[in-house]
Protein backbone atom coordinates (compact mmCIF):
# COMPACT_ATOMS: atom_id res chain seq x y z
CA MET A 1 -4.59 -24.38 -32.76
CA ARG A 2 -5.66 -21.59 -34.99
CA ASN A 3 -8.69 -20.72 -37.04
CA LEU A 4 -10.13 -24.11 -35.03
CA LEU A 5 -13.72 -23.97 -36.11
CA ILE A 6 -16.48 -22.95 -33.81
CA LEU A 7 -17.83 -26.41 -31.95
CA LEU A 8 -21.35 -25.65 -31.40
CA GLY A 9 -23.51 -27.73 -33.40
CA ILE A 10 -21.00 -30.91 -33.46
CA ALA A 11 -22.94 -32.85 -31.12
CA TRP A 12 -25.64 -33.21 -33.63
CA ALA A 13 -22.79 -34.13 -36.55
CA MET A 14 -20.74 -36.85 -34.46
CA ASN A 15 -24.62 -38.33 -33.52
CA ALA A 16 -25.11 -38.34 -37.32
CA PHE A 17 -21.86 -39.28 -38.84
CA GLY A 18 -20.39 -41.10 -35.70
CA GLN A 19 -19.09 -43.81 -37.93
CA ALA A 20 -17.75 -41.69 -40.98
CA ASP A 21 -14.69 -42.23 -43.27
CA PHE A 22 -12.25 -40.04 -42.34
CA GLN A 23 -9.58 -42.32 -43.77
CA GLN A 24 -8.58 -39.63 -46.47
CA HIS A 25 -6.88 -37.12 -43.90
CA PHE A 26 -4.59 -39.85 -42.86
CA ASP A 27 -4.21 -41.37 -46.51
CA SER A 28 -3.63 -37.82 -47.88
CA LEU A 29 -0.74 -37.74 -45.76
CA ALA A 30 0.50 -41.34 -46.09
CA LEU A 31 -0.09 -41.60 -42.52
CA LYS A 32 -1.18 -44.63 -40.47
CA GLY A 33 -3.64 -43.84 -37.19
CA SER A 34 -6.71 -42.51 -35.88
CA THR A 35 -8.79 -39.48 -34.11
CA THR A 36 -10.96 -40.60 -31.71
CA ILE A 37 -13.42 -37.49 -30.41
CA TYR A 38 -16.01 -37.82 -27.26
CA HIS A 39 -18.34 -35.42 -27.01
CA TYR A 40 -19.50 -34.78 -23.09
CA LYS A 41 -22.82 -33.56 -23.04
CA THR A 42 -24.41 -36.16 -25.48
CA ARG A 43 -21.60 -38.84 -23.94
CA LYS A 44 -21.19 -39.92 -27.94
CA TRP A 45 -17.96 -41.29 -29.21
CA LEU A 46 -16.40 -40.77 -32.83
CA PHE A 47 -14.03 -43.20 -33.94
CA THR A 48 -12.50 -43.02 -37.26
CA ASN A 49 -10.73 -46.15 -36.28
CA LYS A 50 -12.20 -48.13 -33.56
CA GLN A 51 -9.93 -50.98 -33.80
CA ASP A 52 -7.08 -48.38 -33.94
CA ALA A 53 -8.40 -46.99 -31.18
CA GLU A 54 -8.25 -49.67 -29.16
CA MET A 55 -4.73 -50.32 -29.29
CA SER A 56 -2.11 -49.56 -26.62
CA THR A 57 0.93 -47.97 -27.24
CA LEU A 58 3.19 -45.95 -25.27
CA PRO A 59 2.06 -42.58 -24.33
CA ALA A 60 4.92 -40.46 -24.66
CA SER A 61 5.06 -37.20 -23.34
CA THR A 62 0.77 -37.23 -23.13
CA PHE A 63 1.90 -38.55 -19.74
CA LYS A 64 2.98 -35.46 -18.51
CA ILE A 65 -0.50 -34.75 -18.03
CA PRO A 66 -0.75 -37.45 -14.73
CA ASN A 67 3.11 -37.05 -14.29
CA SER A 68 2.18 -33.20 -13.43
CA LEU A 69 -0.35 -34.30 -10.88
CA PHE A 70 1.49 -36.59 -9.32
CA ALA A 71 4.46 -33.62 -9.35
CA LEU A 72 2.48 -31.18 -7.22
CA ASP A 73 0.69 -33.69 -5.06
CA TYR A 74 3.18 -36.16 -4.08
CA LYS A 75 5.67 -33.14 -3.29
CA ALA A 76 8.04 -33.76 -6.27
CA VAL A 77 7.84 -29.87 -6.48
CA HIS A 78 7.08 -27.60 -4.17
CA ASP A 79 4.96 -25.84 -6.78
CA GLU A 80 4.18 -25.16 -10.35
CA ASN A 81 7.07 -22.62 -10.29
CA GLU A 82 9.63 -24.59 -8.15
CA VAL A 83 12.26 -24.59 -10.44
CA ILE A 84 14.96 -27.53 -10.67
CA LYS A 85 18.75 -27.07 -11.87
CA TRP A 86 19.64 -28.12 -15.16
CA ASP A 87 22.96 -30.10 -14.48
CA GLY A 88 24.39 -28.84 -17.56
CA THR A 89 23.92 -31.61 -20.23
CA ARG A 90 22.71 -31.50 -23.60
CA ARG A 91 20.37 -34.05 -24.46
CA SER A 92 18.28 -34.56 -27.53
CA HIS A 93 15.32 -36.37 -28.10
CA LEU A 94 15.21 -39.12 -31.13
CA GLY A 95 18.38 -37.74 -32.68
CA THR A 96 17.28 -34.03 -32.13
CA VAL A 97 18.41 -31.76 -29.69
CA ILE A 98 16.11 -29.36 -27.77
CA GLU A 99 17.41 -26.18 -26.63
CA ALA A 100 14.55 -24.97 -24.65
CA TRP A 101 15.82 -28.17 -22.21
CA ASP A 102 18.97 -26.98 -21.45
CA LYS A 103 18.31 -24.33 -19.10
CA ASP A 104 16.91 -24.37 -15.55
CA THR A 105 13.24 -25.08 -15.74
CA ASP A 106 10.21 -25.08 -13.78
CA LEU A 107 7.11 -27.27 -13.75
CA THR A 108 4.90 -25.01 -15.99
CA SER A 109 8.01 -24.52 -18.86
CA ALA A 110 9.00 -28.13 -18.23
CA TYR A 111 5.32 -28.95 -19.33
CA LYS A 112 4.86 -26.61 -22.58
CA ASN A 113 8.45 -27.64 -23.73
CA SER A 114 7.93 -31.36 -22.86
CA THR A 115 11.10 -31.19 -21.00
CA ILE A 116 12.00 -34.82 -20.23
CA TRP A 117 15.06 -34.35 -17.57
CA PHE A 118 12.89 -32.63 -15.73
CA TYR A 119 10.21 -35.20 -15.37
CA GLU A 120 12.73 -37.99 -14.73
CA GLU A 121 13.86 -35.77 -11.87
CA VAL A 122 9.79 -35.82 -10.83
CA ALA A 123 9.78 -39.52 -11.42
CA LYS A 124 12.68 -39.80 -8.84
CA ARG A 125 11.22 -38.11 -6.34
CA VAL A 126 7.84 -39.63 -6.63
CA GLY A 127 9.44 -43.24 -6.74
CA ARG A 128 8.62 -46.35 -8.86
CA GLU A 129 5.84 -47.55 -6.00
CA ARG A 130 3.99 -44.59 -5.99
CA TYR A 131 3.35 -45.00 -9.65
CA ARG A 132 2.91 -48.33 -9.48
CA GLU A 133 -0.18 -48.04 -6.08
CA VAL A 134 -1.86 -45.03 -7.76
CA LEU A 135 -1.89 -45.73 -11.33
CA PRO A 136 -4.45 -48.22 -11.36
CA GLN A 137 -6.63 -45.94 -8.99
CA LEU A 138 -6.47 -43.32 -12.18
CA LYS A 139 -7.10 -46.47 -14.82
CA TYR A 140 -4.87 -44.83 -16.57
CA GLY A 141 -2.53 -47.36 -19.07
CA ASN A 142 -1.79 -50.97 -18.80
CA GLY A 143 0.15 -50.91 -15.16
CA ASN A 144 3.50 -52.15 -16.98
CA LEU A 145 6.17 -50.28 -15.17
CA SER A 146 8.98 -52.89 -15.89
CA GLN A 147 11.17 -50.46 -17.94
CA ALA A 148 14.32 -49.99 -15.80
CA GLY A 149 14.81 -46.53 -16.47
CA MET A 150 12.88 -43.45 -15.29
CA ASP A 151 11.70 -42.70 -18.34
CA PHE A 152 9.03 -45.43 -18.50
CA TRP A 153 6.28 -43.33 -20.49
CA ASN A 154 8.63 -43.35 -23.36
CA TYR A 155 10.23 -46.89 -23.15
CA GLY A 156 9.46 -49.81 -22.31
CA ALA A 157 6.08 -51.84 -22.18
CA PHE A 158 3.93 -48.93 -20.69
CA ALA A 159 0.85 -48.86 -22.56
CA ILE A 160 -2.45 -46.50 -23.01
CA THR A 161 -5.16 -46.65 -25.86
CA PRO A 162 -6.73 -43.47 -27.27
CA ILE A 163 -9.97 -44.53 -25.91
CA ASN A 164 -8.30 -44.68 -22.43
CA GLN A 165 -6.71 -41.43 -23.04
CA ILE A 166 -10.12 -39.66 -23.12
CA GLU A 167 -11.31 -41.35 -20.37
CA PHE A 168 -8.78 -40.02 -18.06
CA LEU A 169 -9.17 -36.55 -19.36
CA VAL A 170 -12.83 -36.81 -18.65
CA LYS A 171 -11.67 -37.95 -15.28
CA LEU A 172 -9.53 -34.94 -14.59
CA TYR A 173 -12.19 -32.48 -16.29
CA GLU A 174 -15.06 -33.38 -13.67
CA ASN A 175 -12.02 -33.74 -10.50
CA LYS A 176 -12.92 -37.11 -10.12
CA LEU A 177 -9.21 -38.14 -9.75
CA PRO A 178 -7.77 -39.46 -6.34
CA PHE A 179 -5.58 -35.82 -6.53
CA SER A 180 -6.41 -32.80 -4.35
CA GLN A 181 -8.60 -30.30 -6.00
CA LYS A 182 -6.21 -27.86 -6.09
CA THR A 183 -3.89 -29.86 -7.86
CA MET A 184 -6.28 -31.23 -10.58
CA GLU A 185 -7.14 -27.13 -11.07
CA LYS A 186 -3.48 -26.26 -11.12
CA VAL A 187 -2.72 -29.17 -13.81
CA LYS A 188 -5.97 -27.79 -16.17
CA GLN A 189 -4.40 -24.32 -15.84
CA ILE A 190 -0.47 -25.47 -16.90
CA MET A 191 -2.34 -27.46 -20.07
CA ILE A 192 -3.99 -24.47 -21.92
CA SER A 193 -2.01 -24.42 -24.86
CA GLU A 194 -4.53 -21.75 -26.37
CA LYS A 195 -7.57 -19.22 -25.58
CA THR A 196 -9.31 -17.96 -28.55
CA SER A 197 -13.46 -16.48 -28.90
CA ARG A 198 -14.15 -20.18 -29.97
CA GLY A 199 -12.71 -21.94 -27.03
CA ILE A 200 -10.31 -22.59 -24.57
CA TYR A 201 -7.61 -26.00 -25.44
CA ARG A 202 -5.82 -27.76 -22.92
CA ASP A 203 -3.57 -30.84 -24.61
CA LYS A 204 -0.35 -31.91 -25.07
CA THR A 205 1.62 -33.92 -27.58
CA GLY A 206 4.19 -37.11 -27.26
CA TRP A 207 6.25 -38.49 -29.82
CA THR A 208 8.20 -41.48 -29.19
CA ARG A 209 9.96 -44.55 -30.95
CA ARG A 210 9.62 -48.45 -30.20
CA TYR A 211 10.41 -51.66 -32.49
CA GLY A 212 11.36 -49.47 -35.07
CA VAL A 213 8.35 -47.49 -35.15
CA ASP A 214 7.48 -44.02 -34.20
CA ILE A 215 4.63 -43.26 -32.35
CA GLY A 216 3.21 -39.47 -32.18
CA TRP A 217 0.43 -38.23 -30.26
CA TYR A 218 -2.21 -35.51 -29.46
CA VAL A 219 -4.40 -35.43 -26.51
CA GLY A 220 -6.62 -32.64 -24.86
CA TYR A 221 -9.89 -31.61 -24.66
CA VAL A 222 -11.17 -28.23 -26.34
CA GLU A 223 -14.35 -26.00 -24.21
CA THR A 224 -16.50 -23.42 -25.70
CA GLN A 225 -19.08 -21.39 -23.86
CA ASP A 226 -21.64 -24.70 -24.27
CA GLU A 227 -19.38 -27.67 -25.11
CA VAL A 228 -16.64 -29.99 -24.08
CA TYR A 229 -14.96 -31.88 -26.77
CA PHE A 230 -12.31 -33.93 -25.80
CA PHE A 231 -9.81 -35.65 -29.00
CA ALA A 232 -7.00 -38.54 -29.01
CA THR A 233 -4.88 -38.50 -32.49
CA ARG A 234 -2.18 -41.06 -32.64
CA LEU A 235 -0.12 -41.37 -35.67
CA ARG A 236 2.67 -44.30 -36.42
CA GLN A 237 5.20 -44.86 -39.60
CA ASP A 238 8.29 -47.04 -40.03
CA ALA A 239 10.93 -44.82 -38.07
CA HIS A 240 13.11 -44.91 -41.48
CA GLU A 241 10.17 -43.21 -43.55
CA ALA A 242 10.51 -39.67 -42.13
CA ASN A 243 7.60 -38.40 -43.39
CA PRO A 244 7.96 -34.86 -42.96
CA HIS A 245 3.89 -34.54 -42.16
CA PHE A 246 3.90 -36.43 -39.35
CA SER A 247 4.98 -33.48 -36.94
CA LYS A 248 2.05 -31.44 -37.62
CA ALA A 249 -0.43 -33.92 -38.86
CA ARG A 250 -0.95 -34.79 -35.59
CA LYS A 251 -2.86 -31.50 -34.32
CA SER A 252 -3.72 -30.43 -38.54
CA ILE A 253 -5.69 -33.65 -38.57
CA THR A 254 -7.44 -33.22 -35.84
CA GLN A 255 -8.71 -30.07 -36.86
CA ARG A 256 -9.65 -31.39 -40.13
CA ILE A 257 -12.00 -34.08 -38.58
CA LEU A 258 -13.57 -31.60 -36.02
CA ASN A 259 -14.21 -28.74 -39.42
CA GLU A 260 -15.68 -31.52 -41.56
CA LEU A 261 -17.65 -32.39 -38.88
CA GLU A 262 -19.44 -28.81 -38.92
CA ALA A 263 -19.48 -28.19 -42.58
CA ARG A 264 -21.81 -31.31 -42.68
CA ARG A 265 -23.84 -29.91 -40.17
CA ALA A 266 -23.96 -26.95 -41.65
CA ALA A 267 -24.98 -28.26 -45.34
CA SER A 268 -28.06 -30.39 -43.42
CA ASP A 269 -28.89 -27.27 -41.53
CA ALA A 270 -29.45 -25.30 -45.16
CA ARG A 271 -31.20 -28.03 -46.68
């Protein structure tokens, strides 16, 4: 995420504007959804729409964060560099063929490219009973794994709220999940999308469809020298609308809100 603000000082802004109206960022793009931000140091939450933040939907590819933990800790792959052979079948997601999926792949690449078939193979190797046993320990999602197919995070009744996404990420950050510390540190390394002078970004997007509604996620956290901020943005649209902003807005709305918080803090300091 380029040109993201220097986040120092947002804690004050979140405290002062924790219930501010940021709906304009969604309305300007004709999108429905919410952004939730959690400031680790002060334990303060910001909700653009608290009701939406408490609503559960499929996690889509954001589940690749916990699924990578399962993959490594339960030896579905030996390590993040073990290659699983592509079976030669070209696959698409929501009607779009993803060229990056059509090759032999390791965990690191599968995470970056959101390669569904790789994580389906991980799920087969882990086994559904293991997920049923461990997911409640993680307190991740509603525990409904009734979906017959392996890809229960994209289809079926498994669901999670934006608040729960952040609660899980905080536990990962603190190494307080029932996985080895080595596994958790390795997954946090895989999650890195960008390192800049402003901070380190660990995140994941996701996009799926249920009952004719597109569900788009952007979750993760950013670390500066002194601060940590967790975020979960989720957008929804009628699948027939095909809003051209839907994909990029998952990140851009998050950035706009953080930038506005910083601008308000700076304006107050100048008074």
